[in-house]
Every structure is written in C-alpha cells, then in structure tokens.
Amino acid sequence: MLKMRELLAAGERVAFTPDGPRGPLRRVQPGVLFLARKTGLPIVPVAYGAKRRWIFKGGWDEFIVPKPLNRIAVVYGEPMRVNPDDDLDRKAGELAAAMNDAARKADIVAGATCCN
C-alpha cells in the first residue's frame, strides 16, 4: 500500500481489481477505499466488455479474455471520492454497484450475448 501511495504522490495512475486477488468475486475489498480515503484521490470505475470471449472460472474468481477479431468496449463510471467520515461498507456497496453497472454497459455496447 505504501508503494501505491508513493506512485500516486508522484502523479502516476494506478489500477486495482477492487475485489482483490482472493475474492470473493465482485465484492469490493477495503484496500482501494482505504487508499482513496488517505490520498483524497477519486476512484474511477472502469470495465470492459467483449462480444466474444472466453470465461475462465476458478474457485473464487472469474477471468475474462476477449477472443481475437472482436468488438470490445471500455466504460468509465463517475469518479467516486471517499471522505474521512464515510462508512467504508456503504462505499464498498456503492463502488460494487458502479463497477457492475459499468460492466453491464460495456457488455451491451460490445454486443455480448450475455451481460453481467
């Protein structure tokens, strides 16, 4: 987390999978919220969709790989700030909803046959 704070202080952009490397799938873990609270920087929900894709499901995760020669869409949600007095559980729910909404919209724009 310290390295991320240093990168952000230097003006770099960083990306997180907010459900963390161990999941559970689509449940926001507190790391990204904690970092946003400490730095005062916004979280921008980003998701992509692909018309044709492979989906690899593990015990706790889902990995989506677009197939070649495909239509892919990237959707950005509204930036979200985490204030010092915000309830992190509530913010986690808001971020999860924003991420799911972005993923659903990206799938629709890309023309995916199934949507999140």
PDB file of N, CA and C in Angstrom:
ATOM      1  N   MET A   1       0.827  -1.182   0.000  1.00  0.00           N
ATOM      2  CA  MET A   1       0.000   0.000   0.000  1.00  0.00           C
ATOM      3  C   MET A   1       0.880   1.257   0.000  1.00  0.00           C
ATOM      4  N   LEU A   2       1.997   1.213   0.698  1.00  0.00           N
ATOM      5  CA  LEU A   2       2.896   2.360   0.747  1.00  0.00           C
ATOM      6  C   LEU A   2       3.422   2.691  -0.640  1.00  0.00           C
ATOM      7  N   LYS A   3       3.782   1.666  -1.409  1.00  0.00           N
ATOM      8  CA  LYS A   3       4.292   1.885  -2.768  1.00  0.00           C
ATOM      9  C   LYS A   3       3.220   2.562  -3.628  1.00  0.00           C
ATOM     10  N   MET A   4       1.973   2.162  -3.486  1.00  0.00           N
ATOM     11  CA  MET A   4       0.881   2.795  -4.239  1.00  0.00           C
ATOM     12  C   MET A   4       0.751   4.262  -3.858  1.00  0.00           C
ATOM     13  N   ARG A   5       0.859   4.540  -2.583  1.00  0.00           N
ATOM     14  CA  ARG A   5       0.770   5.937  -2.146  1.00  0.00           C
ATOM     15  C   ARG A   5       1.905   6.756  -2.736  1.00  0.00           C
ATOM     16  N   GLU A   6       3.103   6.182  -2.799  1.00  0.00           N
ATOM     17  CA  GLU A   6       4.245   6.888  -3.397  1.00  0.00           C
ATOM     18  C   GLU A   6       4.017   7.143  -4.885  1.00  0.00           C
ATOM     19  N   LEU A   7       3.501   6.154  -5.594  1.00  0.00           N
ATOM     20  CA  LEU A   7       3.214   6.325  -7.017  1.00  0.00           C
ATOM     21  C   LEU A   7       2.176   7.417  -7.246  1.00  0.00           C
ATOM     22  N   LEU A   8       1.129   7.399  -6.439  1.00  0.00           N
ATOM     23  CA  LEU A   8       0.078   8.415  -6.573  1.00  0.00           C
ATOM     24  C   LEU A   8       0.606   9.806  -6.248  1.00  0.00           C
ATOM     25  N   ALA A   9       1.450   9.905  -5.215  1.00  0.00           N
ATOM     26  CA  ALA A   9       2.034  11.195  -4.849  1.00  0.00           C
ATOM     27  C   ALA A   9       2.912  11.735  -5.970  1.00  0.00           C
ATOM     28  N   ALA A  10       3.491  10.834  -6.769  1.00  0.00           N
ATOM     29  CA  ALA A  10       4.333  11.237  -7.895  1.00  0.00           C
ATOM     30  C   ALA A  10       3.506  11.547  -9.148  1.00  0.00           C
ATOM     31  N   GLY A  11       2.174  11.453  -9.026  1.00  0.00           N
ATOM     32  CA  GLY A  11       1.311  11.768 -10.158  1.00  0.00           C
ATOM     33  C   GLY A  11       1.028  10.605 -11.084  1.00  0.00           C
ATOM     34  N   GLU A  12       1.453   9.414 -10.693  1.00  0.00           N
ATOM     35  CA  GLU A  12       1.202   8.224 -11.513  1.00  0.00           C
ATOM     36  C   GLU A  12      -0.254   7.773 -11.351  1.00  0.00           C
ATOM     37  N   ARG A  13      -0.728   7.040 -12.326  1.00  0.00           N
ATOM     38  CA  ARG A  13      -2.057   6.433 -12.245  1.00  0.00           C
ATOM     39  C   ARG A  13      -1.884   4.970 -11.887  1.00  0.00           C
ATOM     40  N   VAL A  14      -2.769   4.464 -11.060  1.00  0.00           N
ATOM     41  CA  VAL A  14      -2.722   3.060 -10.664  1.00  0.00           C
ATOM     42  C   VAL A  14      -4.099   2.433 -10.896  1.00  0.00           C
ATOM     43  N   ALA A  15      -4.111   1.129 -11.012  1.00  0.00           N
ATOM     44  CA  ALA A  15      -5.367   0.402 -11.200  1.00  0.00           C
ATOM     45  C   ALA A  15      -5.436  -0.744 -10.199  1.00  0.00           C
ATOM     46  N   PHE A  16      -6.642  -1.020  -9.751  1.00  0.00           N
ATOM     47  CA  PHE A  16      -6.896  -2.100  -8.803  1.00  0.00           C
ATOM     48  C   PHE A  16      -8.002  -2.986  -9.359  1.00  0.00           C
ATOM     49  N   THR A  17      -7.976  -4.230  -8.985  1.00  0.00           N
ATOM     50  CA  THR A  17      -9.180  -5.043  -9.088  1.00  0.00           C
ATOM     51  C   THR A  17      -9.771  -4.973  -7.686  1.00  0.00           C
ATOM     52  N   PRO A  18     -10.844  -4.224  -7.520  1.00  0.00           N
ATOM     53  CA  PRO A  18     -11.320  -3.931  -6.163  1.00  0.00           C
ATOM     54  C   PRO A  18     -11.814  -5.133  -5.379  1.00  0.00           C
ATOM     55  N   ASP A  19     -12.049  -6.266  -6.043  1.00  0.00           N
ATOM     56  CA  ASP A  19     -12.432  -7.444  -5.272  1.00  0.00           C
ATOM     57  C   ASP A  19     -11.217  -8.207  -4.771  1.00  0.00           C
ATOM     58  N   GLY A  20     -10.038  -7.701  -5.077  1.00  0.00           N
ATOM     59  CA  GLY A  20      -8.814  -8.279  -4.544  1.00  0.00           C
ATOM     60  C   GLY A  20      -8.429  -9.580  -5.233  1.00  0.00           C
ATOM     61  N   PRO A  21      -7.209 -10.019  -5.031  1.00  0.00           N
ATOM     62  CA  PRO A  21      -6.735 -11.221  -5.709  1.00  0.00           C
ATOM     63  C   PRO A  21      -7.358 -12.515  -5.180  1.00  0.00           C
ATOM     64  N   ARG A  22      -7.954 -12.465  -4.026  1.00  0.00           N
ATOM     65  CA  ARG A  22      -8.526 -13.686  -3.439  1.00  0.00           C
ATOM     66  C   ARG A  22     -10.043 -13.677  -3.416  1.00  0.00           C
ATOM     67  N   GLY A  23     -10.658 -12.602  -3.936  1.00  0.00           N
ATOM     68  CA  GLY A  23     -12.120 -12.555  -3.974  1.00  0.00           C
ATOM     69  C   GLY A  23     -12.716 -12.268  -2.615  1.00  0.00           C
ATOM     70  N   PRO A  24     -13.962 -12.560  -2.433  1.00  0.00           N
ATOM     71  CA  PRO A  24     -14.874 -13.189  -3.367  1.00  0.00           C
ATOM     72  C   PRO A  24     -15.211 -12.286  -4.560  1.00  0.00           C
ATOM     73  N   LEU A  25     -15.602 -12.918  -5.649  1.00  0.00           N
ATOM     74  CA  LEU A  25     -15.902 -12.252  -6.897  1.00  0.00           C
ATOM     75  C   LEU A  25     -16.914 -11.125  -6.705  1.00  0.00           C
ATOM     76  N   ARG A  26     -16.580  -9.967  -7.234  1.00  0.00           N
ATOM     77  CA  ARG A  26     -17.447  -8.781  -7.254  1.00  0.00           C
ATOM     78  C   ARG A  26     -17.791  -8.223  -5.869  1.00  0.00           C
ATOM     79  N   ARG A  27     -17.008  -8.569  -4.862  1.00  0.00           N
ATOM     80  CA  ARG A  27     -17.183  -7.965  -3.535  1.00  0.00           C
ATOM     81  C   ARG A  27     -15.976  -7.073  -3.280  1.00  0.00           C
ATOM     82  N   VAL A  28     -16.225  -5.775  -3.189  1.00  0.00           N
ATOM     83  CA  VAL A  28     -15.148  -4.795  -3.024  1.00  0.00           C
ATOM     84  C   VAL A  28     -14.477  -4.987  -1.671  1.00  0.00           C
ATOM     85  N   GLN A  29     -13.154  -5.102  -1.716  1.00  0.00           N
ATOM     86  CA  GLN A  29     -12.358  -5.202  -0.503  1.00  0.00           C
ATOM     87  C   GLN A  29     -11.920  -3.789  -0.102  1.00  0.00           C
ATOM     88  N   PRO A  30     -11.535  -3.565   1.143  1.00  0.00           N
ATOM     89  CA  PRO A  30     -11.304  -2.206   1.628  1.00  0.00           C
ATOM     90  C   PRO A  30     -10.039  -1.511   1.125  1.00  0.00           C
ATOM     91  N   GLY A  31      -9.106  -2.207   0.507  1.00  0.00           N
ATOM     92  CA  GLY A  31      -7.829  -1.595   0.130  1.00  0.00           C
ATOM     93  C   GLY A  31      -7.966  -0.367  -0.744  1.00  0.00           C
ATOM     94  N   VAL A  32      -8.726  -0.469  -1.817  1.00  0.00           N
ATOM     95  CA  VAL A  32      -8.885   0.666  -2.734  1.00  0.00           C
ATOM     96  C   VAL A  32      -9.608   1.828  -2.047  1.00  0.00           C
ATOM     97  N   LEU A  33     -10.562   1.519  -1.176  1.00  0.00           N
ATOM     98  CA  LEU A  33     -11.286   2.567  -0.449  1.00  0.00           C
ATOM     99  C   LEU A  33     -10.368   3.257   0.560  1.00  0.00           C
ATOM    100  N   PHE A  34      -9.566   2.461   1.246  1.00  0.00           N
ATOM    101  CA  PHE A  34      -8.616   2.999   2.219  1.00  0.00           C
ATOM    102  C   PHE A  34      -7.629   3.944   1.535  1.00  0.00           C
ATOM    103  N   LEU A  35      -7.101   3.516   0.388  1.00  0.00           N
ATOM    104  CA  LEU A  35      -6.139   4.341  -0.337  1.00  0.00           C
ATOM    105  C   LEU A  35      -6.787   5.642  -0.829  1.00  0.00           C
ATOM    106  N   ALA A  36      -8.010   5.555  -1.331  1.00  0.00           N
ATOM    107  CA  ALA A  36      -8.709   6.755  -1.787  1.00  0.00           C
ATOM    108  C   ALA A  36      -8.972   7.709  -0.624  1.00  0.00           C
ATOM    109  N   ARG A  37      -9.294   7.155   0.521  1.00  0.00           N
ATOM    110  CA  ARG A  37      -9.532   7.980   1.712  1.00  0.00           C
ATOM    111  C   ARG A  37      -8.242   8.679   2.144  1.00  0.00           C
ATOM    112  N   LYS A  38      -7.137   7.944   2.184  1.00  0.00           N
ATOM    113  CA  LYS A  38      -5.856   8.506   2.635  1.00  0.00           C
ATOM    114  C   LYS A  38      -5.283   9.541   1.680  1.00  0.00           C
ATOM    115  N   THR A  39      -5.465   9.338   0.368  1.00  0.00           N
ATOM    116  CA  THR A  39      -4.876  10.246  -0.616  1.00  0.00           C
ATOM    117  C   THR A  39      -5.815  11.377  -1.023  1.00  0.00           C
ATOM    118  N   GLY A  40      -7.110  11.195  -0.811  1.00  0.00           N
ATOM    119  CA  GLY A  40      -8.078  12.186  -1.258  1.00  0.00           C
ATOM    120  C   GLY A  40      -8.362  12.123  -2.755  1.00  0.00           C
ATOM    121  N   LEU A  41      -7.789  11.134  -3.435  1.00  0.00           N
ATOM    122  CA  LEU A  41      -7.988  10.980  -4.876  1.00  0.00           C
ATOM    123  C   LEU A  41      -9.247  10.164  -5.157  1.00  0.00           C
ATOM    124  N   PRO A  42      -9.885  10.407  -6.292  1.00  0.00           N
ATOM    125  CA  PRO A  42     -11.113   9.668  -6.608  1.00  0.00           C
ATOM    126  C   PRO A  42     -10.824   8.273  -7.148  1.00  0.00           C
ATOM    127  N   ILE A  43     -11.819   7.426  -7.025  1.00  0.00           N
ATOM    128  CA  ILE A  43     -11.820   6.111  -7.656  1.00  0.00           C
ATOM    129  C   ILE A  43     -12.670   6.247  -8.915  1.00  0.00           C
ATOM    130  N   VAL A  44     -12.144   5.794 -10.043  1.00  0.00           N
ATOM    131  CA  VAL A  44     -12.895   5.832 -11.292  1.00  0.00           C
ATOM    132  C   VAL A  44     -13.225   4.387 -11.676  1.00  0.00           C
ATOM    133  N   PRO A  45     -14.502   4.018 -11.615  1.00  0.00           N
ATOM    134  CA  PRO A  45     -14.869   2.653 -12.020  1.00  0.00           C
ATOM    135  C   PRO A  45     -14.646   2.471 -13.521  1.00  0.00           C
ATOM    136  N   VAL A  46     -13.978   1.395 -13.903  1.00  0.00           N
ATOM    137  CA  VAL A  46     -13.696   1.085 -15.303  1.00  0.00           C
ATOM    138  C   VAL A  46     -13.988  -0.390 -15.531  1.00  0.00           C
ATOM    139  N   ALA A  47     -14.645  -0.685 -16.645  1.00  0.00           N
ATOM    140  CA  ALA A  47     -14.910  -2.084 -17.002  1.00  0.00           C
ATOM    141  C   ALA A  47     -14.856  -2.222 -18.513  1.00  0.00           C
ATOM    142  N   TYR A  48     -14.599  -3.421 -18.972  1.00  0.00           N
ATOM    143  CA  TYR A  48     -14.634  -3.662 -20.416  1.00  0.00           C
ATOM    144  C   TYR A  48     -15.574  -4.825 -20.703  1.00  0.00           C
ATOM    145  N   GLY A  49     -16.085  -4.824 -21.909  1.00  0.00           N
ATOM    146  CA  GLY A  49     -16.927  -5.920 -22.377  1.00  0.00           C
ATOM    147  C   GLY A  49     -16.433  -6.365 -23.738  1.00  0.00           C
ATOM    148  N   ALA A  50     -16.687  -7.596 -24.076  1.00  0.00           N
ATOM    149  CA  ALA A  50     -16.278  -8.141 -25.367  1.00  0.00           C
ATOM    150  C   ALA A  50     -17.432  -8.962 -25.939  1.00  0.00           C
ATOM    151  N   LYS A  51     -17.667  -8.787 -27.221  1.00  0.00           N
ATOM    152  CA  LYS A  51     -18.755  -9.524 -27.863  1.00  0.00           C
ATOM    153  C   LYS A  51     -18.525 -11.028 -27.762  1.00  0.00           C
ATOM    154  N   ARG A  52     -17.304 -11.459 -28.046  1.00  0.00           N
ATOM    155  CA  ARG A  52     -16.952 -12.872 -27.949  1.00  0.00           C
ATOM    156  C   ARG A  52     -15.791 -12.998 -26.968  1.00  0.00           C
ATOM    157  N   ARG A  53     -15.896 -13.940 -26.052  1.00  0.00           N
ATOM    158  CA  ARG A  53     -14.875 -14.042 -25.010  1.00  0.00           C
ATOM    159  C   ARG A  53     -14.821 -15.436 -24.438  1.00  0.00           C
ATOM    160  N   TRP A  54     -13.684 -15.720 -23.857  1.00  0.00           N
ATOM    161  CA  TRP A  54     -13.524 -16.921 -23.059  1.00  0.00           C
ATOM    162  C   TRP A  54     -13.688 -16.497 -21.601  1.00  0.00           C
ATOM    163  N   ILE A  55     -14.365 -17.299 -20.825  1.00  0.00           N
ATOM    164  CA  ILE A  55     -14.519 -17.038 -19.393  1.00  0.00           C
ATOM    165  C   ILE A  55     -13.947 -18.225 -18.640  1.00  0.00           C
ATOM    166  N   PHE A  56     -12.918 -17.961 -17.860  1.00  0.00           N
ATOM    167  CA  PHE A  56     -12.285 -18.984 -17.042  1.00  0.00           C
ATOM    168  C   PHE A  56     -12.744 -18.782 -15.608  1.00  0.00           C
ATOM    169  N   LYS A  57     -13.417 -19.766 -15.068  1.00  0.00           N
ATOM    170  CA  LYS A  57     -13.920 -19.659 -13.703  1.00  0.00           C
ATOM    171  C   LYS A  57     -13.076 -20.526 -12.789  1.00  0.00           C
ATOM    172  N   GLY A  58     -12.615 -19.903 -11.702  1.00  0.00           N
ATOM    173  CA  GLY A  58     -11.839 -20.614 -10.702  1.00  0.00           C
ATOM    174  C   GLY A  58     -12.683 -20.823  -9.457  1.00  0.00           C
ATOM    175  N   GLY A  59     -12.036 -21.183  -8.389  1.00  0.00           N
ATOM    176  CA  GLY A  59     -12.737 -21.403  -7.134  1.00  0.00           C
ATOM    177  C   GLY A  59     -13.294 -20.120  -6.540  1.00  0.00           C
ATOM    178  N   TRP A  60     -12.650 -18.992  -6.830  1.00  0.00           N
ATOM    179  CA  TRP A  60     -13.080 -17.733  -6.230  1.00  0.00           C
ATOM    180  C   TRP A  60     -13.072 -16.589  -7.213  1.00  0.00           C
ATOM    181  N   ASP A  61     -12.683 -16.845  -8.461  1.00  0.00           N
ATOM    182  CA  ASP A  61     -12.581 -15.728  -9.385  1.00  0.00           C
ATOM    183  C   ASP A  61     -13.130 -16.079 -10.766  1.00  0.00           C
ATOM    184  N   GLU A  62     -13.120 -15.079 -11.622  1.00  0.00           N
ATOM    185  CA  GLU A  62     -13.574 -15.225 -12.998  1.00  0.00           C
ATOM    186  C   GLU A  62     -12.635 -14.373 -13.849  1.00  0.00           C
ATOM    187  N   PHE A  63     -12.060 -14.980 -14.857  1.00  0.00           N
ATOM    188  CA  PHE A  63     -11.103 -14.277 -15.697  1.00  0.00           C
ATOM    189  C   PHE A  63     -11.655 -14.265 -17.111  1.00  0.00           C
ATOM    190  N   ILE A  64     -11.851 -13.062 -17.672  1.00  0.00           N
ATOM    191  CA  ILE A  64     -12.447 -12.912 -18.993  1.00  0.00           C
ATOM    192  C   ILE A  64     -11.371 -12.484 -19.985  1.00  0.00           C
ATOM    193  N   VAL A  65     -11.266 -13.222 -21.085  1.00  0.00           N
ATOM    194  CA  VAL A  65     -10.290 -12.924 -22.131  1.00  0.00           C
ATOM    195  C   VAL A  65     -11.054 -12.724 -23.444  1.00  0.00           C
ATOM    196  N   PRO A  66     -10.942 -11.543 -24.052  1.00  0.00           N
ATOM    197  CA  PRO A  66     -11.600 -11.330 -25.344  1.00  0.00           C
ATOM    198  C   PRO A  66     -10.986 -12.221 -26.421  1.00  0.00           C
ATOM    199  N   LYS A  67     -11.841 -12.744 -27.290  1.00  0.00           N
ATOM    200  CA  LYS A  67     -11.356 -13.536 -28.424  1.00  0.00           C
ATOM    201  C   LYS A  67     -10.833 -12.586 -29.497  1.00  0.00           C
ATOM    202  N   PRO A  68      -9.946 -13.096 -30.373  1.00  0.00           N
ATOM    203  CA  PRO A  68      -9.393 -12.253 -31.451  1.00  0.00           C
ATOM    204  C   PRO A  68     -10.473 -11.762 -32.426  1.00  0.00           C
ATOM    205  N   LEU A  69     -10.153 -10.672 -33.136  1.00  0.00           N
ATOM    206  CA  LEU A  69     -11.042 -10.095 -34.149  1.00  0.00           C
ATOM    207  C   LEU A  69     -12.439  -9.885 -33.571  1.00  0.00           C
ATOM    208  N   ASN A  70     -12.509  -9.033 -32.603  1.00  0.00           N
ATOM    209  CA  ASN A  70     -13.657  -8.911 -31.733  1.00  0.00           C
ATOM    210  C   ASN A  70     -14.088  -7.463 -31.612  1.00  0.00           C
ATOM    211  N   ARG A  71     -15.245  -7.246 -31.058  1.00  0.00           N
ATOM    212  CA  ARG A  71     -15.685  -5.914 -30.663  1.00  0.00           C
ATOM    213  C   ARG A  71     -15.548  -5.815 -29.149  1.00  0.00           C
ATOM    214  N   ILE A  72     -14.808  -4.789 -28.712  1.00  0.00           N
ATOM    215  CA  ILE A  72     -14.553  -4.577 -27.286  1.00  0.00           C
ATOM    216  C   ILE A  72     -14.958  -3.154 -26.938  1.00  0.00           C
ATOM    217  N   ALA A  73     -15.561  -2.981 -25.777  1.00  0.00           N
ATOM    218  CA  ALA A  73     -15.940  -1.654 -25.302  1.00  0.00           C
ATOM    219  C   ALA A  73     -15.385  -1.438 -23.901  1.00  0.00           C
ATOM    220  N   VAL A  74     -14.948  -0.216 -23.631  1.00  0.00           N
ATOM    221  CA  VAL A  74     -14.484   0.169 -22.298  1.00  0.00           C
ATOM    222  C   VAL A  74     -15.412   1.269 -21.801  1.00  0.00           C
ATOM    223  N   VAL A  75     -15.908   1.117 -20.589  1.00  0.00           N
ATOM    224  CA  VAL A  75     -16.825   2.084 -19.996  1.00  0.00           C
ATOM    225  C   VAL A  75     -16.234   2.605 -18.689  1.00  0.00           C
ATOM    226  N   TYR A  76     -16.268   3.919 -18.548  1.00  0.00           N
ATOM    227  CA  TYR A  76     -15.818   4.591 -17.327  1.00  0.00           C
ATOM    228  C   TYR A  76     -17.036   5.099 -16.580  1.00  0.00           C
ATOM    229  N   GLY A  77     -17.067   4.896 -15.272  1.00  0.00           N
ATOM    230  CA  GLY A  77     -18.140   5.436 -14.452  1.00  0.00           C
ATOM    231  C   GLY A  77     -17.743   6.790 -13.884  1.00  0.00           C
ATOM    232  N   GLU A  78     -18.646   7.372 -13.133  1.00  0.00           N
ATOM    233  CA  GLU A  78     -18.381   8.658 -12.486  1.00  0.00           C
ATOM    234  C   GLU A  78     -17.342   8.480 -11.377  1.00  0.00           C
ATOM    235  N   PRO A  79     -16.402   9.420 -11.267  1.00  0.00           N
ATOM    236  CA  PRO A  79     -15.424   9.341 -10.176  1.00  0.00           C
ATOM    237  C   PRO A  79     -16.106   9.351  -8.812  1.00  0.00           C
ATOM    238  N   MET A  80     -15.574   8.566  -7.899  1.00  0.00           N
ATOM    239  CA  MET A  80     -16.125   8.458  -6.551  1.00  0.00           C
ATOM    240  C   MET A  80     -15.051   8.845  -5.546  1.00  0.00           C
ATOM    241  N   ARG A  81     -15.392   9.712  -4.637  1.00  0.00           N
ATOM    242  CA  ARG A  81     -14.456  10.109  -3.580  1.00  0.00           C
ATOM    243  C   ARG A  81     -14.841   9.427  -2.274  1.00  0.00           C
ATOM    244  N   VAL A  82     -13.841   9.152  -1.466  1.00  0.00           N
ATOM    245  CA  VAL A  82     -14.054   8.562  -0.142  1.00  0.00           C
ATOM    246  C   VAL A  82     -13.574   9.582   0.877  1.00  0.00           C
ATOM    247  N   ASN A  83     -14.509  10.155   1.602  1.00  0.00           N
ATOM    248  CA  ASN A  83     -14.197  11.166   2.607  1.00  0.00           C
ATOM    249  C   ASN A  83     -13.803  10.505   3.929  1.00  0.00           C
ATOM    250  N   PRO A  84     -13.075  11.233   4.777  1.00  0.00           N
ATOM    251  CA  PRO A  84     -12.620  10.641   6.046  1.00  0.00           C
ATOM    252  C   PRO A  84     -13.741  10.098   6.922  1.00  0.00           C
ATOM    253  N   ASP A  85     -14.924  10.686   6.857  1.00  0.00           N
ATOM    254  CA  ASP A  85     -16.017  10.233   7.715  1.00  0.00           C
ATOM    255  C   ASP A  85     -16.984   9.274   7.012  1.00  0.00           C
ATOM    256  N   ASP A  86     -16.689   8.868   5.781  1.00  0.00           N
ATOM    257  CA  ASP A  86     -17.563   7.943   5.063  1.00  0.00           C
ATOM    258  C   ASP A  86     -17.508   6.546   5.659  1.00  0.00           C
ATOM    259  N   ASP A  87     -18.637   5.871   5.641  1.00  0.00           N
ATOM    260  CA  ASP A  87     -18.721   4.480   6.060  1.00  0.00           C
ATOM    261  C   ASP A  87     -18.180   3.610   4.922  1.00  0.00           C
ATOM    262  N   LEU A  88     -17.100   2.867   5.177  1.00  0.00           N
ATOM    263  CA  LEU A  88     -16.444   2.093   4.123  1.00  0.00           C
ATOM    264  C   LEU A  88     -17.304   0.946   3.604  1.00  0.00           C
ATOM    265  N   ASP A  89     -18.141   0.367   4.448  1.00  0.00           N
ATOM    266  CA  ASP A  89     -19.034  -0.695   3.971  1.00  0.00           C
ATOM    267  C   ASP A  89     -20.042  -0.133   2.969  1.00  0.00           C
ATOM    268  N   ARG A  90     -20.573   1.040   3.262  1.00  0.00           N
ATOM    269  CA  ARG A  90     -21.526   1.680   2.347  1.00  0.00           C
ATOM    270  C   ARG A  90     -20.827   2.062   1.045  1.00  0.00           C
ATOM    271  N   LYS A  91     -19.619   2.613   1.156  1.00  0.00           N
ATOM    272  CA  LYS A  91     -18.855   2.992  -0.031  1.00  0.00           C
ATOM    273  C   LYS A  91     -18.501   1.768  -0.867  1.00  0.00           C
ATOM    274  N   ALA A  92     -18.197   0.658  -0.204  1.00  0.00           N
ATOM    275  CA  ALA A  92     -17.898  -0.580  -0.931  1.00  0.00           C
ATOM    276  C   ALA A  92     -19.109  -1.012  -1.750  1.00  0.00           C
ATOM    277  N   GLY A  93     -20.287  -0.890  -1.178  1.00  0.00           N
ATOM    278  CA  GLY A  93     -21.511  -1.226  -1.905  1.00  0.00           C
ATOM    279  C   GLY A  93     -21.738  -0.301  -3.089  1.00  0.00           C
ATOM    280  N   GLU A  94     -21.468   0.990  -2.895  1.00  0.00           N
ATOM    281  CA  GLU A  94     -21.612   1.961  -3.983  1.00  0.00           C
ATOM    282  C   GLU A  94     -20.620   1.665  -5.115  1.00  0.00           C
ATOM    283  N   LEU A  95     -19.378   1.344  -4.751  1.00  0.00           N
ATOM    284  CA  LEU A  95     -18.376   1.048  -5.763  1.00  0.00           C
ATOM    285  C   LEU A  95     -18.713  -0.239  -6.499  1.00  0.00           C
ATOM    286  N   ALA A  96     -19.160  -1.263  -5.779  1.00  0.00           N
ATOM    287  CA  ALA A  96     -19.547  -2.518  -6.424  1.00  0.00           C
ATOM    288  C   ALA A  96     -20.684  -2.277  -7.412  1.00  0.00           C
ATOM    289  N   ALA A  97     -21.667  -1.476  -7.023  1.00  0.00           N
ATOM    290  CA  ALA A  97     -22.784  -1.174  -7.926  1.00  0.00           C
ATOM    291  C   ALA A  97     -22.295  -0.414  -9.155  1.00  0.00           C
ATOM    292  N   ALA A  98     -21.381   0.530  -8.964  1.00  0.00           N
ATOM    293  CA  ALA A  98     -20.842   1.298 -10.090  1.00  0.00           C
ATOM    294  C   ALA A  98     -20.022   0.405 -11.021  1.00  0.00           C
ATOM    295  N   MET A  99     -19.239  -0.500 -10.456  1.00  0.00           N
ATOM    296  CA  MET A  99     -18.455  -1.424 -11.274  1.00  0.00           C
ATOM    297  C   MET A  99     -19.350  -2.378 -12.057  1.00  0.00           C
ATOM    298  N   ASN A 100     -20.374  -2.910 -11.400  1.00  0.00           N
ATOM    299  CA  ASN A 100     -21.301  -3.811 -12.085  1.00  0.00           C
ATOM    300  C   ASN A 100     -22.071  -3.088 -13.181  1.00  0.00           C
ATOM    301  N   ASP A 101     -22.452  -1.846 -12.926  1.00  0.00           N
ATOM    302  CA  ASP A 101     -23.147  -1.050 -13.934  1.00  0.00           C
ATOM    303  C   ASP A 101     -22.239  -0.790 -15.141  1.00  0.00           C
ATOM    304  N   ALA A 102     -20.984  -0.451 -14.886  1.00  0.00           N
ATOM    305  CA  ALA A 102     -20.034  -0.215 -15.985  1.00  0.00           C
ATOM    306  C   ALA A 102     -19.822  -1.493 -16.786  1.00  0.00           C
ATOM    307  N   ALA A 103     -19.710  -2.630 -16.112  1.00  0.00           N
ATOM    308  CA  ALA A 103     -19.515  -3.913 -16.804  1.00  0.00           C
ATOM    309  C   ALA A 103     -20.735  -4.258 -17.653  1.00  0.00           C
ATOM    310  N   ARG A 104     -21.925  -4.025 -17.111  1.00  0.00           N
ATOM    311  CA  ARG A 104     -23.155  -4.307 -17.858  1.00  0.00           C
ATOM    312  C   ARG A 104     -23.226  -3.429 -19.098  1.00  0.00           C
ATOM    313  N   LYS A 105     -22.940  -2.134 -18.947  1.00  0.00           N
ATOM    314  CA  LYS A 105     -22.974  -1.212 -20.078  1.00  0.00           C
ATOM    315  C   LYS A 105     -21.926  -1.575 -21.123  1.00  0.00           C
ATOM    316  N   ALA A 106     -20.727  -1.961 -20.676  1.00  0.00           N
ATOM    317  CA  ALA A 106     -19.673  -2.342 -21.615  1.00  0.00           C
ATOM    318  C   ALA A 106     -20.086  -3.577 -22.415  1.00  0.00           C
ATOM    319  N   ASP A 107     -20.706  -4.546 -21.756  1.00  0.00           N
ATOM    320  CA  ASP A 107     -21.179  -5.735 -22.464  1.00  0.00           C
ATOM    321  C   ASP A 107     -22.245  -5.374 -23.503  1.00  0.00           C
ATOM    322  N   ILE A 108     -23.134  -4.480 -23.142  1.00  0.00           N
ATOM    323  CA  ILE A 108     -24.186  -4.060 -24.078  1.00  0.00           C
ATOM    324  C   ILE A 108     -23.584  -3.351 -25.280  1.00  0.00           C
ATOM    325  N   VAL A 109     -22.679  -2.414 -25.049  1.00  0.00           N
ATOM    326  CA  VAL A 109     -22.046  -1.679 -26.146  1.00  0.00           C
ATOM    327  C   VAL A 109     -21.255  -2.617 -27.040  1.00  0.00           C
ATOM    328  N   ALA A 110     -20.565  -3.583 -26.444  1.00  0.00           N
ATOM    329  CA  ALA A 110     -19.769  -4.533 -27.219  1.00  0.00           C
ATOM    330  C   ALA A 110     -20.636  -5.546 -27.965  1.00  0.00           C
ATOM    331  N   GLY A 111     -21.887  -5.703 -27.524  1.00  0.00           N
ATOM    332  CA  GLY A 111     -22.771  -6.666 -28.178  1.00  0.00           C
ATOM    333  C   GLY A 111     -22.644  -8.072 -27.629  1.00  0.00           C
ATOM    334  N   ALA A 112     -22.232  -8.195 -26.373  1.00  0.00           N
ATOM    335  CA  ALA A 112     -22.085  -9.515 -25.757  1.00  0.00           C
ATOM    336  C   ALA A 112     -23.442 -10.200 -25.704  1.00  0.00           C
ATOM    337  N   THR A 113     -23.440 -11.520 -25.857  1.00  0.00           N
ATOM    338  CA  THR A 113     -24.691 -12.270 -25.835  1.00  0.00           C
ATOM    339  C   THR A 113     -25.238 -12.452 -24.425  1.00  0.00           C
ATOM    340  N   CYS A 114     -24.377 -12.284 -23.440  1.00  0.00           N
ATOM    341  CA  CYS A 114     -24.837 -12.333 -22.052  1.00  0.00           C
ATOM    342  C   CYS A 114     -24.230 -11.164 -21.308  1.00  0.00           C
ATOM    343  N   CYS A 115     -24.898 -10.620 -20.426  1.00  0.00           N
ATOM    344  CA  CYS A 115     -24.427  -9.427 -19.714  1.00  0.00           C
ATOM    345  C   CYS A 115     -24.372  -9.710 -18.234  1.00  0.00           C
ATOM    346  N   ASN A 116     -23.485  -8.962 -17.535  1.00  0.00           N
ATOM    347  CA  ASN A 116     -23.323  -9.098 -16.083  1.00  0.00           C
ATOM    348  C   ASN A 116     -24.539  -8.581 -15.370  1.00  0.00           C
TER     349      ASN A 116
END
